[in-house]
Amino acid sequence: MLALVMAVLWNSARESKPARVLAAVLPWVLALTALAIT
């Protein structure tokens, strides 16, 4: 049920400033994780 709530949020606000900040920051978390695994 939380997944549905977050899906509505992302669908309506994915172009907002907070969403753009998340889109800039979280890939770096993924990149650091990939580097740590390597």
PDB file of all heavy atoms in Angstrom:
ATOM      1  N   MET A   1       0.829  -1.206   0.000  1.00  0.00           N
ATOM      2  CA  MET A   1       0.000   0.000   0.000  1.00  0.00           C
ATOM      3  C   MET A   1       0.865   1.259   0.000  1.00  0.00           C
ATOM      4  O   MET A   1       0.518   2.269  -0.620  1.00  0.00           O
ATOM      5  CB  MET A   1      -0.935   0.003   1.206  1.00  0.00           C
ATOM      6  CG  MET A   1      -1.961  -1.120   1.205  1.00  0.00           C
ATOM      7  SD  MET A   1      -3.051  -1.152  -0.241  1.00  0.00           S
ATOM      8  CE  MET A   1      -2.441  -2.633  -1.088  1.00  0.00           C
ATOM      9  N   LEU A   2       2.008   1.210   0.689  1.00  0.00           N
ATOM     10  CA  LEU A   2       2.922   2.351   0.655  1.00  0.00           C
ATOM     11  C   LEU A   2       3.441   2.579  -0.762  1.00  0.00           C
ATOM     12  O   LEU A   2       3.617   3.728  -1.188  1.00  0.00           O
ATOM     13  CB  LEU A   2       4.086   2.126   1.615  1.00  0.00           C
ATOM     14  CG  LEU A   2       5.138   3.247   1.651  1.00  0.00           C
ATOM     15  CD1 LEU A   2       4.517   4.549   2.162  1.00  0.00           C
ATOM     16  CD2 LEU A   2       6.331   2.849   2.513  1.00  0.00           C
ATOM     17  N   ALA A   3       3.681   1.498  -1.497  1.00  0.00           N
ATOM     18  CA  ALA A   3       4.147   1.631  -2.880  1.00  0.00           C
ATOM     19  C   ALA A   3       3.144   2.414  -3.724  1.00  0.00           C
ATOM     20  O   ALA A   3       3.524   3.236  -4.569  1.00  0.00           O
ATOM     21  CB  ALA A   3       4.389   0.247  -3.487  1.00  0.00           C
ATOM     22  N   LEU A   4       1.860   2.190  -3.491  1.00  0.00           N
ATOM     23  CA  LEU A   4       0.836   2.937  -4.224  1.00  0.00           C
ATOM     24  C   LEU A   4       0.855   4.419  -3.846  1.00  0.00           C
ATOM     25  O   LEU A   4       0.733   5.292  -4.707  1.00  0.00           O
ATOM     26  CB  LEU A   4      -0.535   2.329  -3.949  1.00  0.00           C
ATOM     27  CG  LEU A   4      -0.819   1.001  -4.636  1.00  0.00           C
ATOM     28  CD1 LEU A   4      -2.072   0.346  -4.063  1.00  0.00           C
ATOM     29  CD2 LEU A   4      -0.974   1.206  -6.139  1.00  0.00           C
ATOM     30  N   VAL A   5       1.004   4.714  -2.562  1.00  0.00           N
ATOM     31  CA  VAL A   5       1.073   6.104  -2.117  1.00  0.00           C
ATOM     32  C   VAL A   5       2.261   6.813  -2.773  1.00  0.00           C
ATOM     33  O   VAL A   5       2.131   7.928  -3.313  1.00  0.00           O
ATOM     34  CB  VAL A   5       1.179   6.178  -0.580  1.00  0.00           C
ATOM     35  CG1 VAL A   5       1.430   7.619  -0.124  1.00  0.00           C
ATOM     36  CG2 VAL A   5      -0.081   5.630   0.068  1.00  0.00           C
ATOM     37  N   MET A   6       3.411   6.158  -2.749  1.00  0.00           N
ATOM     38  CA  MET A   6       4.613   6.776  -3.321  1.00  0.00           C
ATOM     39  C   MET A   6       4.511   6.883  -4.835  1.00  0.00           C
ATOM     40  O   MET A   6       5.072   7.802  -5.441  1.00  0.00           O
ATOM     41  CB  MET A   6       5.846   5.975  -2.917  1.00  0.00           C
ATOM     42  CG  MET A   6       6.089   5.902  -1.415  1.00  0.00           C
ATOM     43  SD  MET A   6       6.243   7.533  -0.651  1.00  0.00           S
ATOM     44  CE  MET A   6       7.754   8.110  -1.429  1.00  0.00           C
ATOM     45  N   ALA A   7       3.801   5.955  -5.460  1.00  0.00           N
ATOM     46  CA  ALA A   7       3.613   6.018  -6.913  1.00  0.00           C
ATOM     47  C   ALA A   7       2.772   7.231  -7.295  1.00  0.00           C
ATOM     48  O   ALA A   7       3.073   7.935  -8.279  1.00  0.00           O
ATOM     49  CB  ALA A   7       2.949   4.734  -7.410  1.00  0.00           C
ATOM     50  N   VAL A   8       1.714   7.508  -6.527  1.00  0.00           N
ATOM     51  CA  VAL A   8       0.897   8.706  -6.781  1.00  0.00           C
ATOM     52  C   VAL A   8       1.738   9.964  -6.594  1.00  0.00           C
ATOM     53  O   VAL A   8       1.673  10.911  -7.395  1.00  0.00           O
ATOM     54  CB  VAL A   8      -0.327   8.726  -5.846  1.00  0.00           C
ATOM     55  CG1 VAL A   8      -1.105  10.029  -6.005  1.00  0.00           C
ATOM     56  CG2 VAL A   8      -1.233   7.540  -6.139  1.00  0.00           C
ATOM     57  N   LEU A   9       2.536   9.989  -5.547  1.00  0.00           N
ATOM     58  CA  LEU A   9       3.391  11.142  -5.274  1.00  0.00           C
ATOM     59  C   LEU A   9       4.364  11.385  -6.422  1.00  0.00           C
ATOM     60  O   LEU A   9       4.498  12.516  -6.914  1.00  0.00           O
ATOM     61  CB  LEU A   9       4.147  10.924  -3.964  1.00  0.00           C
ATOM     62  CG  LEU A   9       5.200  11.977  -3.591  1.00  0.00           C
ATOM     63  CD1 LEU A   9       4.548  13.347  -3.412  1.00  0.00           C
ATOM     64  CD2 LEU A   9       5.941  11.553  -2.320  1.00  0.00           C
ATOM     65  N   TRP A  10       5.038  10.340  -6.868  1.00  0.00           N
ATOM     66  CA  TRP A  10       6.033  10.494  -7.923  1.00  0.00           C
ATOM     67  C   TRP A  10       5.378  10.868  -9.256  1.00  0.00           C
ATOM     68  O   TRP A  10       5.904  11.679 -10.021  1.00  0.00           O
ATOM     69  CB  TRP A  10       6.847   9.220  -8.083  1.00  0.00           C
ATOM     70  CG  TRP A  10       8.059   9.391  -8.961  1.00  0.00           C
ATOM     71  CD1 TRP A  10       8.243   8.903 -10.224  1.00  0.00           C
ATOM     72  CD2 TRP A  10       9.252  10.102  -8.629  1.00  0.00           C
ATOM     73  NE1 TRP A  10       9.468   9.270 -10.702  1.00  0.00           N
ATOM     74  CE2 TRP A  10      10.119  10.004  -9.733  1.00  0.00           C
ATOM     75  CE3 TRP A  10       9.667  10.804  -7.510  1.00  0.00           C
ATOM     76  CZ2 TRP A  10      11.372  10.584  -9.753  1.00  0.00           C
ATOM     77  CZ3 TRP A  10      10.930  11.399  -7.521  1.00  0.00           C
ATOM     78  CH2 TRP A  10      11.759  11.288  -8.631  1.00  0.00           C
ATOM     79  N   ASN A  11       4.210  10.283  -9.514  1.00  0.00           N
ATOM     80  CA  ASN A  11       3.523  10.571 -10.772  1.00  0.00           C
ATOM     81  C   ASN A  11       3.117  12.027 -10.876  1.00  0.00           C
ATOM     82  O   ASN A  11       3.135  12.611 -11.970  1.00  0.00           O
ATOM     83  CB  ASN A  11       2.283   9.683 -10.898  1.00  0.00           C
ATOM     84  CG  ASN A  11       1.638   9.767 -12.257  1.00  0.00           C
ATOM     85  OD1 ASN A  11       2.259   9.474 -13.276  1.00  0.00           O
ATOM     86  ND2 ASN A  11       0.384  10.185 -12.294  1.00  0.00           N
ATOM     87  N   SER A  12       2.779  12.637  -9.746  1.00  0.00           N
ATOM     88  CA  SER A  12       2.298  14.012  -9.784  1.00  0.00           C
ATOM     89  C   SER A  12       3.389  15.053  -9.542  1.00  0.00           C
ATOM     90  O   SER A  12       3.233  16.209  -9.924  1.00  0.00           O
ATOM     91  CB  SER A  12       1.199  14.208  -8.733  1.00  0.00           C
ATOM     92  OG  SER A  12       1.715  14.002  -7.433  1.00  0.00           O
ATOM     93  N   ALA A  13       4.493  14.638  -8.918  1.00  0.00           N
ATOM     94  CA  ALA A  13       5.491  15.636  -8.520  1.00  0.00           C
ATOM     95  C   ALA A  13       6.900  15.287  -8.983  1.00  0.00           C
ATOM     96  O   ALA A  13       7.872  15.825  -8.440  1.00  0.00           O
ATOM     97  CB  ALA A  13       5.469  15.806  -6.996  1.00  0.00           C
ATOM     98  N   ARG A  14       7.029  14.441  -9.979  1.00  0.00           N
ATOM     99  CA  ARG A  14       8.381  14.041 -10.404  1.00  0.00           C
ATOM    100  C   ARG A  14       9.147  15.149 -11.103  1.00  0.00           C
ATOM    101  O   ARG A  14      10.367  15.046 -11.304  1.00  0.00           O
ATOM    102  CB  ARG A  14       8.312  12.785 -11.300  1.00  0.00           C
ATOM    103  CG  ARG A  14       7.430  12.939 -12.514  1.00  0.00           C
ATOM    104  CD  ARG A  14       7.105  11.574 -13.106  1.00  0.00           C
ATOM    105  NE  ARG A  14       8.203  10.984 -13.809  1.00  0.00           N
ATOM    106  CZ  ARG A  14       8.309  11.004 -15.154  1.00  0.00           C
ATOM    107  NH1 ARG A  14       7.383  11.599 -15.885  1.00  0.00           N
ATOM    108  NH2 ARG A  14       9.328  10.436 -15.738  1.00  0.00           N
ATOM    109  N   GLU A  15       8.465  16.228 -11.510  1.00  0.00           N
ATOM    110  CA  GLU A  15       9.145  17.362 -12.122  1.00  0.00           C
ATOM    111  C   GLU A  15       9.379  18.495 -11.117  1.00  0.00           C
ATOM    112  O   GLU A  15       9.894  19.544 -11.485  1.00  0.00           O
ATOM    113  CB  GLU A  15       8.315  17.894 -13.297  1.00  0.00           C
ATOM    114  CG  GLU A  15       8.090  16.886 -14.415  1.00  0.00           C
ATOM    115  CD  GLU A  15       9.383  16.500 -15.119  1.00  0.00           C
ATOM    116  OE1 GLU A  15      10.380  17.243 -14.997  1.00  0.00           O
ATOM    117  OE2 GLU A  15       9.406  15.444 -15.778  1.00  0.00           O
ATOM    118  N   SER A  16       9.002  18.270  -9.858  1.00  0.00           N
ATOM    119  CA  SER A  16       9.186  19.307  -8.846  1.00  0.00           C
ATOM    120  C   SER A  16      10.663  19.436  -8.476  1.00  0.00           C
ATOM    121  O   SER A  16      11.486  18.561  -8.773  1.00  0.00           O
ATOM    122  CB  SER A  16       8.365  18.982  -7.602  1.00  0.00           C
ATOM    123  OG  SER A  16       8.838  17.797  -6.991  1.00  0.00           O
ATOM    124  N   LYS A  17      10.983  20.525  -7.779  1.00  0.00           N
ATOM    125  CA  LYS A  17      12.371  20.747  -7.372  1.00  0.00           C
ATOM    126  C   LYS A  17      12.897  19.653  -6.452  1.00  0.00           C
ATOM    127  O   LYS A  17      14.014  19.165  -6.649  1.00  0.00           O
ATOM    128  CB  LYS A  17      12.494  22.118  -6.714  1.00  0.00           C
ATOM    129  CG  LYS A  17      13.930  22.454  -6.313  1.00  0.00           C
ATOM    130  CD  LYS A  17      14.026  23.838  -5.707  1.00  0.00           C
ATOM    131  CE  LYS A  17      15.477  24.154  -5.294  1.00  0.00           C
ATOM    132  NZ  LYS A  17      15.578  25.515  -4.689  1.00  0.00           N
ATOM    133  N   PRO A  18      12.121  19.222  -5.417  1.00  0.00           N
ATOM    134  CA  PRO A  18      12.631  18.127  -4.576  1.00  0.00           C
ATOM    135  C   PRO A  18      12.895  16.852  -5.372  1.00  0.00           C
ATOM    136  O   PRO A  18      13.878  16.156  -5.101  1.00  0.00           O
ATOM    137  CB  PRO A  18      11.509  17.918  -3.555  1.00  0.00           C
ATOM    138  CG  PRO A  18      10.780  19.205  -3.517  1.00  0.00           C
ATOM    139  CD  PRO A  18      10.846  19.761  -4.898  1.00  0.00           C
ATOM    140  N   ALA A  19      12.040  16.563  -6.344  1.00  0.00           N
ATOM    141  CA  ALA A  19      12.248  15.364  -7.156  1.00  0.00           C
ATOM    142  C   ALA A  19      13.516  15.489  -7.996  1.00  0.00           C
ATOM    143  O   ALA A  19      14.257  14.516  -8.168  1.00  0.00           O
ATOM    144  CB  ALA A  19      11.036  15.111  -8.048  1.00  0.00           C
ATOM    145  N   ARG A  20      13.774  16.679  -8.516  1.00  0.00           N
ATOM    146  CA  ARG A  20      14.994  16.882  -9.313  1.00  0.00           C
ATOM    147  C   ARG A  20      16.243  16.738  -8.446  1.00  0.00           C
ATOM    148  O   ARG A  20      17.278  16.222  -8.892  1.00  0.00           O
ATOM    149  CB  ARG A  20      14.965  18.248  -9.996  1.00  0.00           C
ATOM    150  CG  ARG A  20      13.908  18.356 -11.078  1.00  0.00           C
ATOM    151  CD  ARG A  20      14.172  19.551 -11.981  1.00  0.00           C
ATOM    152  NE  ARG A  20      14.114  20.812 -11.252  1.00  0.00           N
ATOM    153  CZ  ARG A  20      13.020  21.530 -11.089  1.00  0.00           C
ATOM    154  NH1 ARG A  20      11.872  21.098 -11.595  1.00  0.00           N
ATOM    155  NH2 ARG A  20      13.047  22.680 -10.421  1.00  0.00           N
ATOM    156  N   VAL A  21      16.151  17.217  -7.193  1.00  0.00           N
ATOM    157  CA  VAL A  21      17.289  17.048  -6.271  1.00  0.00           C
ATOM    158  C   VAL A  21      17.529  15.564  -6.001  1.00  0.00           C
ATOM    159  O   VAL A  21      18.680  15.095  -6.024  1.00  0.00           O
ATOM    160  CB  VAL A  21      17.032  17.801  -4.956  1.00  0.00           C
ATOM    161  CG1 VAL A  21      18.103  17.463  -3.926  1.00  0.00           C
ATOM    162  CG2 VAL A  21      16.988  19.301  -5.208  1.00  0.00           C
ATOM    163  N   LEU A  22      16.459  14.837  -5.753  1.00  0.00           N
ATOM    164  CA  LEU A  22      16.589  13.391  -5.535  1.00  0.00           C
ATOM    165  C   LEU A  22      17.190  12.706  -6.754  1.00  0.00           C
ATOM    166  O   LEU A  22      18.044  11.818  -6.627  1.00  0.00           O
ATOM    167  CB  LEU A  22      15.225  12.786  -5.218  1.00  0.00           C
ATOM    168  CG  LEU A  22      14.627  13.104  -3.849  1.00  0.00           C
ATOM    169  CD1 LEU A  22      13.162  12.685  -3.806  1.00  0.00           C
ATOM    170  CD2 LEU A  22      15.404  12.365  -2.756  1.00  0.00           C
ATOM    171  N   ALA A  23      16.745  13.112  -7.936  1.00  0.00           N
ATOM    172  CA  ALA A  23      17.248  12.509  -9.169  1.00  0.00           C
ATOM    173  C   ALA A  23      18.723  12.812  -9.381  1.00  0.00           C
ATOM    174  O   ALA A  23      19.417  12.066 -10.101  1.00  0.00           O
ATOM    175  CB  ALA A  23      16.432  13.006 -10.366  1.00  0.00           C
ATOM    176  N   ALA A  24      19.208  13.890  -8.767  1.00  0.00           N
ATOM    177  CA  ALA A  24      20.631  14.216  -8.871  1.00  0.00           C
ATOM    178  C   ALA A  24      21.459  13.508  -7.812  1.00  0.00           C
ATOM    179  O   ALA A  24      22.617  13.133  -8.061  1.00  0.00           O
ATOM    180  CB  ALA A  24      20.817  15.730  -8.761  1.00  0.00           C
ATOM    181  N   VAL A  25      20.882  13.282  -6.611  1.00  0.00           N
ATOM    182  CA  VAL A  25      21.654  12.740  -5.485  1.00  0.00           C
ATOM    183  C   VAL A  25      21.663  11.216  -5.463  1.00  0.00           C
ATOM    184  O   VAL A  25      22.732  10.594  -5.297  1.00  0.00           O
ATOM    185  CB  VAL A  25      21.091  13.287  -4.157  1.00  0.00           C
ATOM    186  CG1 VAL A  25      21.749  12.588  -2.970  1.00  0.00           C
ATOM    187  CG2 VAL A  25      21.302  14.789  -4.069  1.00  0.00           C
ATOM    188  N   LEU A  26      20.494  10.585  -5.616  1.00  0.00           N
ATOM    189  CA  LEU A  26      20.414   9.136  -5.445  1.00  0.00           C
ATOM    190  C   LEU A  26      21.273   8.344  -6.436  1.00  0.00           C
ATOM    191  O   LEU A  26      21.845   7.313  -6.056  1.00  0.00           O
ATOM    192  CB  LEU A  26      18.959   8.678  -5.511  1.00  0.00           C
ATOM    193  CG  LEU A  26      18.124   9.012  -4.270  1.00  0.00           C
ATOM    194  CD1 LEU A  26      16.682   8.560  -4.441  1.00  0.00           C
ATOM    195  CD2 LEU A  26      18.725   8.364  -3.023  1.00  0.00           C
ATOM    196  N   PRO A  27      21.417   8.767  -7.706  1.00  0.00           N
ATOM    197  CA  PRO A  27      22.340   8.028  -8.583  1.00  0.00           C
ATOM    198  C   PRO A  27      23.770   7.999  -8.070  1.00  0.00           C
ATOM    199  O   PRO A  27      24.501   7.034  -8.313  1.00  0.00           O
ATOM    200  CB  PRO A  27      22.229   8.783  -9.907  1.00  0.00           C
ATOM    201  CG  PRO A  27      20.854   9.357  -9.891  1.00  0.00           C
ATOM    202  CD  PRO A  27      20.624   9.745  -8.467  1.00  0.00           C
ATOM    203  N   TRP A  28      24.174   9.051  -7.352  1.00  0.00           N
ATOM    204  CA  TRP A  28      25.511   9.025  -6.766  1.00  0.00           C
ATOM    205  C   TRP A  28      25.595   7.996  -5.649  1.00  0.00           C
ATOM    206  O   TRP A  28      26.646   7.367  -5.455  1.00  0.00           O
ATOM    207  CB  TRP A  28      25.875  10.412  -6.234  1.00  0.00           C
ATOM    208  CG  TRP A  28      26.243  11.368  -7.334  1.00  0.00           C
ATOM    209  CD1 TRP A  28      25.494  12.374  -7.836  1.00  0.00           C
ATOM    210  CD2 TRP A  28      27.467  11.363  -8.075  1.00  0.00           C
ATOM    211  NE1 TRP A  28      26.151  13.013  -8.854  1.00  0.00           N
ATOM    212  CE2 TRP A  28      27.383  12.411  -9.019  1.00  0.00           C
ATOM    213  CE3 TRP A  28      28.623  10.592  -8.047  1.00  0.00           C
ATOM    214  CZ2 TRP A  28      28.397  12.694  -9.921  1.00  0.00           C
ATOM    215  CZ3 TRP A  28      29.643  10.870  -8.938  1.00  0.00           C
ATOM    216  CH2 TRP A  28      29.531  11.915  -9.864  1.00  0.00           C
ATOM    217  N   VAL A  29      24.501   7.806  -4.912  1.00  0.00           N
ATOM    218  CA  VAL A  29      24.473   6.742  -3.907  1.00  0.00           C
ATOM    219  C   VAL A  29      24.637   5.382  -4.584  1.00  0.00           C
ATOM    220  O   VAL A  29      25.392   4.516  -4.120  1.00  0.00           O
ATOM    221  CB  VAL A  29      23.157   6.789  -3.105  1.00  0.00           C
ATOM    222  CG1 VAL A  29      23.074   5.610  -2.137  1.00  0.00           C
ATOM    223  CG2 VAL A  29      23.037   8.115  -2.366  1.00  0.00           C
ATOM    224  N   LEU A  30      23.941   5.208  -5.720  1.00  0.00           N
ATOM    225  CA  LEU A  30      24.079   3.959  -6.468  1.00  0.00           C
ATOM    226  C   LEU A  30      25.500   3.792  -6.999  1.00  0.00           C
ATOM    227  O   LEU A  30      26.056   2.685  -6.973  1.00  0.00           O
ATOM    228  CB  LEU A  30      23.082   3.928  -7.624  1.00  0.00           C
ATOM    229  CG  LEU A  30      21.593   3.960  -7.260  1.00  0.00           C
ATOM    230  CD1 LEU A  30      20.737   3.914  -8.528  1.00  0.00           C
ATOM    231  CD2 LEU A  30      21.240   2.799  -6.348  1.00  0.00           C
ATOM    232  N   ALA A  31      26.092   4.883  -7.474  1.00  0.00           N
ATOM    233  CA  ALA A  31      27.455   4.805  -8.005  1.00  0.00           C
ATOM    234  C   ALA A  31      28.455   4.449  -6.913  1.00  0.00           C
ATOM    235  O   ALA A  31      29.360   3.615  -7.121  1.00  0.00           O
ATOM    236  CB  ALA A  31      27.834   6.135  -8.659  1.00  0.00           C
ATOM    237  N   LEU A  32      28.295   5.060  -5.738  1.00  0.00           N
ATOM    238  CA  LEU A  32      29.191   4.740  -4.624  1.00  0.00           C
ATOM    239  C   LEU A  32      29.021   3.288  -4.193  1.00  0.00           C
ATOM    240  O   LEU A  32      30.001   2.612  -3.849  1.00  0.00           O
ATOM    241  CB  LEU A  32      28.924   5.684  -3.455  1.00  0.00           C
ATOM    242  CG  LEU A  32      29.350   7.144  -3.656  1.00  0.00           C
ATOM    243  CD1 LEU A  32      28.902   8.002  -2.479  1.00  0.00           C
ATOM    244  CD2 LEU A  32      30.865   7.235  -3.834  1.00  0.00           C
ATOM    245  N   THR A  33      27.785   2.806  -4.213  1.00  0.00           N
ATOM    246  CA  THR A  33      27.543   1.397  -3.882  1.00  0.00           C
ATOM    247  C   THR A  33      28.233   0.485  -4.889  1.00  0.00           C
ATOM    248  O   THR A  33      28.868  -0.516  -4.514  1.00  0.00           O
ATOM    249  CB  THR A  33      26.032   1.109  -3.866  1.00  0.00           C
ATOM    250  OG1 THR A  33      25.397   1.973  -2.918  1.00  0.00           O
ATOM    251  CG2 THR A  33      25.765  -0.339  -3.493  1.00  0.00           C
ATOM    252  N   ALA A  34      28.119   0.814  -6.167  1.00  0.00           N
ATOM    253  CA  ALA A  34      28.767   0.007  -7.210  1.00  0.00           C
ATOM    254  C   ALA A  34      30.280   0.027  -7.046  1.00  0.00           C
ATOM    255  O   ALA A  34      30.958  -1.009  -7.198  1.00  0.00           O
ATOM    256  CB  ALA A  34      28.373   0.521  -8.587  1.00  0.00           C
ATOM    257  N   LEU A  35      30.839   1.192  -6.730  1.00  0.00           N
ATOM    258  CA  LEU A  35      32.287   1.276  -6.520  1.00  0.00           C
ATOM    259  C   LEU A  35      32.703   0.462  -5.295  1.00  0.00           C
ATOM    260  O   LEU A  35      33.767  -0.189  -5.308  1.00  0.00           O
ATOM    261  CB  LEU A  35      32.700   2.740  -6.350  1.00  0.00           C
ATOM    262  CG  LEU A  35      32.652   3.608  -7.614  1.00  0.00           C
ATOM    263  CD1 LEU A  35      32.875   5.069  -7.260  1.00  0.00           C
ATOM    264  CD2 LEU A  35      33.700   3.128  -8.623  1.00  0.00           C
ATOM    265  N   ALA A  36      31.886   0.496  -4.232  1.00  0.00           N
ATOM    266  CA  ALA A  36      32.205  -0.284  -3.039  1.00  0.00           C
ATOM    267  C   ALA A  36      32.189  -1.779  -3.337  1.00  0.00           C
ATOM    268  O   ALA A  36      33.052  -2.533  -2.864  1.00  0.00           O
ATOM    269  CB  ALA A  36      31.211   0.051  -1.926  1.00  0.00           C
ATOM    270  N   ILE A  37      31.209  -2.232  -4.128  1.00  0.00           N
ATOM    271  CA  ILE A  37      31.150  -3.648  -4.512  1.00  0.00           C
ATOM    272  C   ILE A  37      32.380  -4.030  -5.323  1.00  0.00           C
ATOM    273  O   ILE A  37      33.002  -5.080  -5.109  1.00  0.00           O
ATOM    274  CB  ILE A  37      29.857  -3.922  -5.297  1.00  0.00           C
ATOM    275  CG1 ILE A  37      28.636  -3.786  -4.395  1.00  0.00           C
ATOM    276  CG2 ILE A  37      29.898  -5.315  -5.940  1.00  0.00           C
ATOM    277  CD1 ILE A  37      27.313  -3.851  -5.120  1.00  0.00           C
ATOM    278  N   THR A  38      32.760  -3.159  -6.266  1.00  0.00           N
ATOM    279  CA  THR A  38      33.947  -3.425  -7.086  1.00  0.00           C
ATOM    280  C   THR A  38      35.205  -3.488  -6.224  1.00  0.00           C
ATOM    281  O   THR A  38      36.043  -4.387  -6.381  1.00  0.00           O
ATOM    282  CB  THR A  38      34.103  -2.328  -8.149  1.00  0.00           C
ATOM    283  OG1 THR A  38      32.903  -2.214  -8.902  1.00  0.00           O
ATOM    284  CG2 THR A  38      35.256  -2.653  -9.097  1.00  0.00           C
TER     285      THR A  38
END
